[in-house]
C-alpha atoms as a PDB file:
ATOM      1  CA  MET A   1      15.414  10.662 -11.291  1.00  0.00           C
ATOM      2  CA  ILE A   2      16.281   7.236 -12.671  1.00  0.00           C
ATOM      3  CA  SER A   3      14.489   5.333 -15.404  1.00  0.00           C
ATOM      4  CA  LEU A   4      12.356   2.402 -14.302  1.00  0.00           C
ATOM      5  CA  ALA A   5      11.696   1.152 -17.822  1.00  0.00           C
ATOM      6  CA  GLY A   6      11.881  -2.633 -17.860  1.00  0.00           C
ATOM      7  CA  LYS A   7      11.808  -2.965 -14.067  1.00  0.00           C
ATOM      8  CA  ARG A   8       9.278  -5.432 -12.681  1.00  0.00           C
ATOM      9  CA  VAL A   9       6.954  -4.057  -9.995  1.00  0.00           C
ATOM     10  CA  LEU A  10       4.728  -6.205  -7.778  1.00  0.00           C
ATOM     11  CA  ILE A  11       1.742  -4.356  -6.307  1.00  0.00           C
ATOM     12  CA  THR A  12      -0.551  -5.972  -3.756  1.00  0.00           C
ATOM     13  CA  GLY A  13      -4.152  -4.841  -3.482  1.00  0.00           C
ATOM     14  CA  ALA A  14      -4.126  -3.524  -7.044  1.00  0.00           C
ATOM     15  CA  THR A  15      -7.863  -3.855  -7.672  1.00  0.00           C
ATOM     16  CA  SER A  16      -8.788  -0.351  -6.497  1.00  0.00           C
ATOM     17  CA  GLY A  17      -7.641   2.881  -4.917  1.00  0.00           C
ATOM     18  CA  ILE A  18      -3.957   3.439  -4.285  1.00  0.00           C
ATOM     19  CA  GLY A  19      -2.944   0.038  -5.655  1.00  0.00           C
ATOM     20  CA  GLU A  20      -4.688   0.661  -8.959  1.00  0.00           C
ATOM     21  CA  ALA A  21      -3.249   4.184  -9.155  1.00  0.00           C
ATOM     22  CA  CYS A  22       0.240   2.749  -8.568  1.00  0.00           C
ATOM     23  CA  ALA A  23      -0.292   0.216 -11.345  1.00  0.00           C
ATOM     24  CA  ARG A  24      -1.201   2.969 -13.785  1.00  0.00           C
ATOM     25  CA  ALA A  25       1.681   5.198 -12.684  1.00  0.00           C
ATOM     26  CA  PHE A  26       4.343   2.481 -12.970  1.00  0.00           C
ATOM     27  CA  ALA A  27       2.901   1.305 -16.302  1.00  0.00           C
ATOM     28  CA  GLU A  28       3.325   4.816 -17.682  1.00  0.00           C
ATOM     29  CA  LEU A  29       7.027   4.552 -16.781  1.00  0.00           C
ATOM     30  CA  GLY A  30       7.390   1.348 -18.806  1.00  0.00           C
ATOM     31  CA  CYS A  31       7.563  -1.082 -15.885  1.00  0.00           C
ATOM     32  CA  GLY A  32       6.510  -4.672 -16.121  1.00  0.00           C
ATOM     33  CA  LEU A  33       3.757  -5.343 -13.614  1.00  0.00           C
ATOM     34  CA  VAL A  34       2.702  -8.197 -11.358  1.00  0.00           C
ATOM     35  CA  LEU A  35      -0.687  -7.177  -9.975  1.00  0.00           C
ATOM     36  CA  THR A  36      -2.386  -9.038  -7.156  1.00  0.00           C
ATOM     37  CA  GLY A  37      -5.743  -8.771  -5.473  1.00  0.00           C
ATOM     38  CA  ARG A  38      -8.785 -10.711  -4.358  1.00  0.00           C
ATOM     39  CA  ARG A  39     -11.207  -9.602  -7.088  1.00  0.00           C
ATOM     40  CA  ASP A  40     -10.546 -11.385 -10.359  1.00  0.00           C
ATOM     41  CA  ASP A  41     -12.955  -9.263 -12.415  1.00  0.00           C
ATOM     42  CA  ARG A  42     -11.280  -6.023 -11.369  1.00  0.00           C
ATOM     43  CA  LEU A  43      -7.790  -7.376 -11.981  1.00  0.00           C
ATOM     44  CA  LYS A  44      -8.761  -8.509 -15.468  1.00  0.00           C
ATOM     45  CA  ALA A  45     -10.345  -5.141 -16.273  1.00  0.00           C
ATOM     46  CA  LEU A  46      -7.272  -3.253 -15.034  1.00  0.00           C
ATOM     47  CA  ALA A  47      -4.928  -5.543 -16.938  1.00  0.00           C
ATOM     48  CA  ALA A  48      -6.906  -5.087 -20.152  1.00  0.00           C
ATOM     49  CA  SER A  49      -6.914  -1.321 -19.718  1.00  0.00           C
ATOM     50  CA  LEU A  50      -3.165  -1.122 -19.091  1.00  0.00           C
ATOM     51  CA  SER A  51      -2.284  -3.561 -21.876  1.00  0.00           C
ATOM     52  CA  ASN A  52      -4.303  -1.549 -24.372  1.00  0.00           C
ATOM     53  CA  SER A  53      -2.957   1.840 -23.285  1.00  0.00           C
ATOM     54  CA  THR A  54       0.688   1.061 -22.491  1.00  0.00           C
ATOM     55  CA  GLY A  55       1.549  -2.382 -23.856  1.00  0.00           C
ATOM     56  CA  VAL A  56       3.596  -3.245 -20.764  1.00  0.00           C
ATOM     57  CA  GLU A  57       4.381  -6.814 -19.725  1.00  0.00           C
ATOM     58  CA  LEU A  58       1.704  -7.697 -17.214  1.00  0.00           C
ATOM     59  CA  THR A  59       0.773 -10.604 -14.969  1.00  0.00           C
ATOM     60  CA  THR A  60      -2.223 -10.826 -12.648  1.00  0.00           C
ATOM     61  CA  ILE A  61      -2.488 -13.181  -9.683  1.00  0.00           C
ATOM     62  CA  VAL A  62      -5.697 -13.552  -7.713  1.00  0.00           C
ATOM     63  CA  PHE A  63      -5.089 -14.283  -4.027  1.00  0.00           C
ATOM     64  CA  ASP A  64      -5.371 -12.851  -0.540  1.00  0.00           C
ATOM     65  CA  VAL A  65      -2.186 -11.629   1.180  1.00  0.00           C
ATOM     66  CA  ARG A  66      -3.469 -13.324   4.346  1.00  0.00           C
ATOM     67  CA  ASP A  67      -3.155 -16.728   2.644  1.00  0.00           C
ATOM     68  CA  LEU A  68       0.367 -17.865   3.525  1.00  0.00           C
ATOM     69  CA  GLU A  69       0.096 -21.238   1.790  1.00  0.00           C
ATOM     70  CA  GLY A  70      -1.250 -19.572  -1.324  1.00  0.00           C
ATOM     71  CA  ILE A  71       1.705 -17.183  -1.381  1.00  0.00           C
ATOM     72  CA  ARG A  72       4.158 -20.045  -0.898  1.00  0.00           C
ATOM     73  CA  ALA A  73       2.614 -21.944  -3.805  1.00  0.00           C
ATOM     74  CA  ILE A  74       3.231 -19.152  -6.334  1.00  0.00           C
ATOM     75  CA  PRO A  75       6.450 -19.289  -8.404  1.00  0.00           C
ATOM     76  CA  TRP A  76       7.298 -15.625  -8.022  1.00  0.00           C
ATOM     77  CA  PRO A  77       9.372 -14.024 -10.774  1.00  0.00           C
ATOM     78  CA  ALA A  78      12.295 -11.730 -10.009  1.00  0.00           C
ATOM     79  CA  ILE A  79      10.825  -8.524  -8.589  1.00  0.00           C
ATOM     80  CA  ASP A  80      12.632  -5.177  -8.619  1.00  0.00           C
ATOM     81  CA  ILE A  81      10.090  -3.157  -6.633  1.00  0.00           C
ATOM     82  CA  LEU A  82       7.595  -4.564  -4.127  1.00  0.00           C
ATOM     83  CA  VAL A  83       4.728  -2.242  -3.193  1.00  0.00           C
ATOM     84  CA  ASN A  84       3.047  -3.620  -0.078  1.00  0.00           C
ATOM     85  CA  ASN A  85      -0.237  -1.799  -0.524  1.00  0.00           C
ATOM     86  CA  ALA A  86      -2.920  -4.316   0.476  1.00  0.00           C
ATOM     87  CA  GLY A  87      -4.631  -3.544   3.753  1.00  0.00           C
ATOM     88  CA  LEU A  88      -7.845  -2.390   5.358  1.00  0.00           C
ATOM     89  CA  GLY A  89      -9.513  -0.735   8.304  1.00  0.00           C
ATOM     90  CA  ILE A  90     -12.846  -1.893   9.700  1.00  0.00           C
ATOM     91  CA  GLY A  91     -14.960  -0.198  12.330  1.00  0.00           C
ATOM     92  CA  LEU A  92     -14.394   2.558  14.864  1.00  0.00           C
ATOM     93  CA  ASP A  93     -15.552   0.735  17.963  1.00  0.00           C
ATOM     94  CA  PRO A  94     -13.791   1.189  21.317  1.00  0.00           C
ATOM     95  CA  LEU A  95     -11.773  -1.787  22.472  1.00  0.00           C
ATOM     96  CA  GLN A  96     -14.306  -2.779  25.086  1.00  0.00           C
ATOM     97  CA  SER A  97     -16.925  -3.406  22.399  1.00  0.00           C
ATOM     98  CA  GLY A  98     -14.725  -4.165  19.408  1.00  0.00           C
ATOM     99  CA  ASN A  99     -15.343  -6.991  16.973  1.00  0.00           C
ATOM    100  CA  ILE A 100     -12.576  -9.574  17.349  1.00  0.00           C
ATOM    101  CA  GLU A 101     -13.099 -11.007  13.870  1.00  0.00           C
ATOM    102  CA  GLU A 102     -12.555  -7.515  12.440  1.00  0.00           C
ATOM    103  CA  TRP A 103      -9.441  -7.110  14.561  1.00  0.00           C
ATOM    104  CA  ASP A 104      -8.103 -10.361  13.116  1.00  0.00           C
ATOM    105  CA  ALA A 105      -8.869  -9.218   9.562  1.00  0.00           C
ATOM    106  CA  MET A 106      -6.878  -5.991  10.050  1.00  0.00           C
ATOM    107  CA  ILE A 107      -3.944  -7.660  11.779  1.00  0.00           C
ATOM    108  CA  ASP A 108      -3.816 -10.463   9.220  1.00  0.00           C
ATOM    109  CA  ALA A 109      -3.923  -8.139   6.198  1.00  0.00           C
ATOM    110  CA  ASN A 110      -1.997  -5.096   7.409  1.00  0.00           C
ATOM    111  CA  VAL A 111       0.773  -6.823   9.357  1.00  0.00           C
ATOM    112  CA  LYS A 112       0.951 -10.521   8.570  1.00  0.00           C
ATOM    113  CA  GLY A 113       0.117 -10.031   4.892  1.00  0.00           C
ATOM    114  CA  LEU A 114       2.923  -7.506   4.552  1.00  0.00           C
ATOM    115  CA  LEU A 115       5.290  -9.910   6.291  1.00  0.00           C
ATOM    116  CA  TYR A 116       4.236 -12.877   4.160  1.00  0.00           C
ATOM    117  CA  MET A 117       4.721 -10.991   0.894  1.00  0.00           C
ATOM    118  CA  THR A 118       8.021  -9.465   1.951  1.00  0.00           C
ATOM    119  CA  ARG A 119       9.339 -12.844   3.075  1.00  0.00           C
ATOM    120  CA  ALA A 120       8.393 -14.335  -0.309  1.00  0.00           C
ATOM    121  CA  ILE A 121      10.064 -11.630  -2.403  1.00  0.00           C
ATOM    122  CA  LEU A 122      12.982 -10.354  -0.333  1.00  0.00           C
ATOM    123  CA  PRO A 123      15.346 -13.361  -0.608  1.00  0.00           C
ATOM    124  CA  GLY A 124      15.549 -12.883  -4.372  1.00  0.00           C
ATOM    125  CA  MET A 125      16.367  -9.214  -3.922  1.00  0.00           C
ATOM    126  CA  VAL A 126      19.075 -10.070  -1.405  1.00  0.00           C
ATOM    127  CA  GLU A 127      20.550 -12.641  -3.770  1.00  0.00           C
ATOM    128  CA  ARG A 128      20.639 -10.091  -6.617  1.00  0.00           C
ATOM    129  CA  LYS A 129      21.780  -7.300  -4.257  1.00  0.00           C
ATOM    130  CA  SER A 130      19.162  -5.058  -5.766  1.00  0.00           C
ATOM    131  CA  GLY A 131      15.575  -4.105  -5.067  1.00  0.00           C
ATOM    132  CA  HIS A 132      13.201  -1.750  -3.328  1.00  0.00           C
ATOM    133  CA  VAL A 133      10.431  -2.467  -0.822  1.00  0.00           C
ATOM    134  CA  ILE A 134       7.842   0.290  -0.464  1.00  0.00           C
ATOM    135  CA  ASN A 135       5.306  -0.142   2.319  1.00  0.00           C
ATOM    136  CA  LEU A 136       2.047   1.756   2.457  1.00  0.00           C
ATOM    137  CA  GLY A 137       1.829   3.059   5.979  1.00  0.00           C
ATOM    138  CA  SER A 138      -0.494   5.724   7.329  1.00  0.00           C
ATOM    139  CA  ALA A 139      -0.596   8.828   9.453  1.00  0.00           C
ATOM    140  CA  ALA A 140      -2.310   6.398  11.836  1.00  0.00           C
ATOM    141  CA  GLY A 141       1.099   4.795  12.252  1.00  0.00           C
ATOM    142  CA  HIS A 142       2.314   7.991  13.921  1.00  0.00           C
ATOM    143  CA  TRP A 143      -0.730   9.205  15.859  1.00  0.00           C
ATOM    144  CA  VAL A 144      -3.780   7.454  17.263  1.00  0.00           C
ATOM    145  CA  TYR A 145      -7.389   8.658  17.220  1.00  0.00           C
ATOM    146  CA  PRO A 146     -10.628   7.666  18.972  1.00  0.00           C
ATOM    147  CA  GLY A 147     -11.859   4.309  17.718  1.00  0.00           C
ATOM    148  CA  GLY A 148      -8.693   3.711  15.718  1.00  0.00           C
ATOM    149  CA  ASN A 149      -7.164   1.345  18.302  1.00  0.00           C
ATOM    150  CA  VAL A 150      -6.372  -1.831  16.325  1.00  0.00           C
ATOM    151  CA  TYR A 151      -6.036  -0.164  12.926  1.00  0.00           C
ATOM    152  CA  CYS A 152      -3.590   2.367  14.386  1.00  0.00           C
ATOM    153  CA  ALA A 153      -1.710  -0.467  16.072  1.00  0.00           C
ATOM    154  CA  THR A 154      -1.298  -2.267  12.740  1.00  0.00           C
ATOM    155  CA  LYS A 155       0.058   0.862  11.069  1.00  0.00           C
ATOM    156  CA  HIS A 156       2.431   1.493  13.968  1.00  0.00           C
ATOM    157  CA  ALA A 157       3.599  -2.062  13.317  1.00  0.00           C
ATOM    158  CA  VAL A 158       4.162  -1.239   9.641  1.00  0.00           C
ATOM    159  CA  LYS A 159       6.314   1.727  10.692  1.00  0.00           C
ATOM    160  CA  ALA A 160       8.344  -0.467  13.052  1.00  0.00           C
ATOM    161  CA  LEU A 161       8.729  -3.247  10.493  1.00  0.00           C
ATOM    162  CA  THR A 162       9.868  -0.785   7.844  1.00  0.00           C
ATOM    163  CA  GLU A 163      12.531   0.602  10.160  1.00  0.00           C
ATOM    164  CA  ALA A 164      13.626  -2.888  11.213  1.00  0.00           C
ATOM    165  CA  MET A 165      13.767  -4.023   7.608  1.00  0.00           C
ATOM    166  CA  ARG A 166      16.156  -1.191   6.782  1.00  0.00           C
ATOM    167  CA  LEU A 167      18.427  -2.325   9.606  1.00  0.00           C
ATOM    168  CA  ASP A 168      18.279  -5.959   8.484  1.00  0.00           C
ATOM    169  CA  LEU A 169      19.116  -5.010   4.895  1.00  0.00           C
ATOM    170  CA  VAL A 170      21.886  -2.499   5.418  1.00  0.00           C
ATOM    171  CA  GLY A 171      24.790  -3.405   3.161  1.00  0.00           C
ATOM    172  CA  THR A 172      22.648  -5.386   0.702  1.00  0.00           C
ATOM    173  CA  GLY A 173      21.940  -2.513  -1.685  1.00  0.00           C
ATOM    174  CA  ILE A 174      18.187  -2.865  -1.123  1.00  0.00           C
ATOM    175  CA  ARG A 175      16.133   0.226  -0.436  1.00  0.00           C
ATOM    176  CA  VAL A 176      13.196   0.327   1.991  1.00  0.00           C
ATOM    177  CA  SER A 177      10.657   3.143   2.109  1.00  0.00           C
ATOM    178  CA  SER A 178       7.251   3.872   3.555  1.00  0.00           C
ATOM    179  CA  VAL A 179       4.622   6.310   2.322  1.00  0.00           C
ATOM    180  CA  ASP A 180       2.248   7.331   5.091  1.00  0.00           C
ATOM    181  CA  PRO A 181      -0.777   9.348   3.971  1.00  0.00           C
ATOM    182  CA  GLY A 182      -3.451  11.097   5.964  1.00  0.00           C
ATOM    183  CA  MET A 183      -6.952  11.449   4.557  1.00  0.00           C
ATOM    184  CA  VAL A 184      -7.255   9.824   1.119  1.00  0.00           C
ATOM    185  CA  GLU A 185     -10.613   9.375  -0.565  1.00  0.00           C
ATOM    186  CA  THR A 186     -10.742   5.777  -1.796  1.00  0.00           C
ATOM    187  CA  GLU A 187     -12.866   2.759  -0.922  1.00  0.00           C
ATOM    188  CA  PHE A 188     -11.095   2.665   2.457  1.00  0.00           C
ATOM    189  CA  SER A 189     -13.860   4.463   4.340  1.00  0.00           C
ATOM    190  CA  VAL A 190     -16.582   2.408   2.666  1.00  0.00           C
ATOM    191  CA  VAL A 191     -14.898  -0.715   4.041  1.00  0.00           C
ATOM    192  CA  ARG A 192     -14.324   0.932   7.413  1.00  0.00           C
ATOM    193  CA  PHE A 193     -18.037   1.684   7.699  1.00  0.00           C
ATOM    194  CA  ARG A 194     -18.964  -1.812   6.550  1.00  0.00           C
ATOM    195  CA  GLY A 195     -20.377  -0.748   3.179  1.00  0.00           C
ATOM    196  CA  ASP A 196     -22.124   2.472   4.250  1.00  0.00           C
ATOM    197  CA  ALA A 197     -21.108   4.693   1.309  1.00  0.00           C
ATOM    198  CA  GLU A 198     -23.084   7.703   2.559  1.00  0.00           C
ATOM    199  CA  ARG A 199     -21.327   7.683   5.909  1.00  0.00           C
ATOM    200  CA  ALA A 200     -17.987   7.176   4.164  1.00  0.00           C
ATOM    201  CA  HIS A 201     -18.602  10.193   1.923  1.00  0.00           C
ATOM    202  CA  LYS A 202     -19.235  12.413   4.951  1.00  0.00           C
ATOM    203  CA  VAL A 203     -15.664  11.800   6.136  1.00  0.00           C
ATOM    204  CA  TYR A 204     -14.449  14.069   3.327  1.00  0.00           C
ATOM    205  CA  GLU A 205     -17.255  16.653   3.262  1.00  0.00           C
ATOM    206  CA  GLY A 206     -16.175  20.289   3.188  1.00  0.00           C
ATOM    207  CA  MET A 207     -12.494  19.532   2.574  1.00  0.00           C
ATOM    208  CA  THR A 208     -10.245  18.389  -0.249  1.00  0.00           C
ATOM    209  CA  PRO A 209      -8.669  15.022   0.583  1.00  0.00           C
ATOM    210  CA  LEU A 210      -5.707  13.382  -1.077  1.00  0.00           C
ATOM    211  CA  THR A 211      -6.449  11.182  -4.063  1.00  0.00           C
ATOM    212  CA  ALA A 212      -5.079   7.731  -4.799  1.00  0.00           C
ATOM    213  CA  GLU A 213      -3.037   9.337  -7.583  1.00  0.00           C
ATOM    214  CA  ASP A 214      -1.412  11.738  -5.093  1.00  0.00           C
ATOM    215  CA  VAL A 215      -0.176   8.799  -3.031  1.00  0.00           C
ATOM    216  CA  ALA A 216       0.954   6.915  -6.128  1.00  0.00           C
ATOM    217  CA  ASP A 217       3.004   9.990  -7.104  1.00  0.00           C
ATOM    218  CA  ALA A 218       4.817   9.811  -3.764  1.00  0.00           C
ATOM    219  CA  ILE A 219       5.468   6.091  -4.166  1.00  0.00           C
ATOM    220  CA  VAL A 220       6.879   6.633  -7.658  1.00  0.00           C
ATOM    221  CA  PHE A 221       9.009   9.484  -6.284  1.00  0.00           C
ATOM    222  CA  CYS A 222      10.602   7.086  -3.787  1.00  0.00           C
ATOM    223  CA  ALA A 223      11.242   4.530  -6.512  1.00  0.00           C
ATOM    224  CA  THR A 224      12.816   6.952  -9.001  1.00  0.00           C
ATOM    225  CA  ARG A 225      15.529   8.448  -6.815  1.00  0.00           C
ATOM    226  CA  ARG A 226      19.114   7.663  -7.781  1.00  0.00           C
ATOM    227  CA  ALA A 227      20.318   4.257  -6.608  1.00  0.00           C
ATOM    228  CA  HIS A 228      22.338   5.571  -3.657  1.00  0.00           C
ATOM    229  CA  VAL A 229      19.386   7.570  -2.298  1.00  0.00           C
ATOM    230  CA  ASN A 230      16.801   6.022   0.027  1.00  0.00           C
ATOM    231  CA  ILE A 231      13.646   7.911   0.952  1.00  0.00           C
ATOM    232  CA  ASN A 232      13.038   6.465   4.395  1.00  0.00           C
ATOM    233  CA  GLN A 233       9.580   7.849   4.970  1.00  0.00           C
ATOM    234  CA  VAL A 234       7.040  10.199   3.441  1.00  0.00           C
ATOM    235  CA  ILE A 235       4.275  11.575   5.666  1.00  0.00           C
ATOM    236  CA  MET A 236       1.718  13.362   3.520  1.00  0.00           C
ATOM    237  CA  MET A 237      -1.601  15.035   4.241  1.00  0.00           C
ATOM    238  CA  PRO A 238      -4.005  17.249   2.331  1.00  0.00           C
ATOM    239  CA  VAL A 239      -3.602  20.973   2.942  1.00  0.00           C
ATOM    240  CA  ASP A 240      -6.956  20.876   4.762  1.00  0.00           C
ATOM    241  CA  GLN A 241      -5.575  18.415   7.330  1.00  0.00           C
ATOM    242  CA  ALA A 242      -3.049  19.547   9.944  1.00  0.00           C
ATOM    243  CA  GLY A 243      -3.223  16.444  12.124  1.00  0.00           C
ATOM    244  CA  ILE A 244      -5.266  13.327  12.752  1.00  0.00           C
ATOM    245  CA  GLY A 245      -8.125  15.284  14.331  1.00  0.00           C
ATOM    246  CA  THR A 246      -7.477  18.728  12.873  1.00  0.00           C
ATOM    247  CA  VAL A 247      -9.304  19.236   9.591  1.00  0.00           C
ATOM    248  CA  ASN A 248     -10.463  22.429   7.922  1.00  0.00           C
ATOM    249  CA  ARG A 249     -14.000  21.984   6.614  1.00  0.00           C
ATOM    250  CA  ARG A 250     -15.545  24.702   4.477  1.00  0.00           C
ATOM    251  CA  LYS A 251     -19.252  25.257   4.953  1.00  0.00           C
END
């Protein structure tokens, strides 16, 4: 395990869930943080909490990863670790009745947003011959499930882009990892069910899902390996989940 004290970590989608858990985990290790998200009030509250508890150097930037011009307009500082966390899933409709606007939202955030952010940060890493890109994938990037069509496609794209990125960067000293969780109880399902919190809660009834902190632990694990070690991919699921459609639910 290497020390990350003083390293600067950029986390997208830091306003809740896995992104927020990553911010807290990296702050505890003494990292400087650049936190981004769409909700200014949540970013400010998180920044205040972390500043008071850890005293780390911290910058917040409010923007949407789908906004290419907005990303280009930001004078990004040197980043040691980029955590491409921002993303979403909406709906479980079959393709023949799917909502095209929701498809666009998933493709723009999960694929294009990841590409936009990586393109903005990666040249500096290449120039310094140092850095680490950690992409948040999903078990849905390995297996598909009914109604998952476009969301699964975006996470398969994240898997492919992560593998391609490693090929593009071989010899540069830059590490590239993905952490691909199964069932994690965050706001993800609330968004997927268009704000229906009761329906979202039922997804996890009778079983013990992963938490955002569990996933953040895996991301930190990737980042703290010795410099010559690259964790290519972590696929993680709760003990109660053996596959996309195989879940043990206690009555």
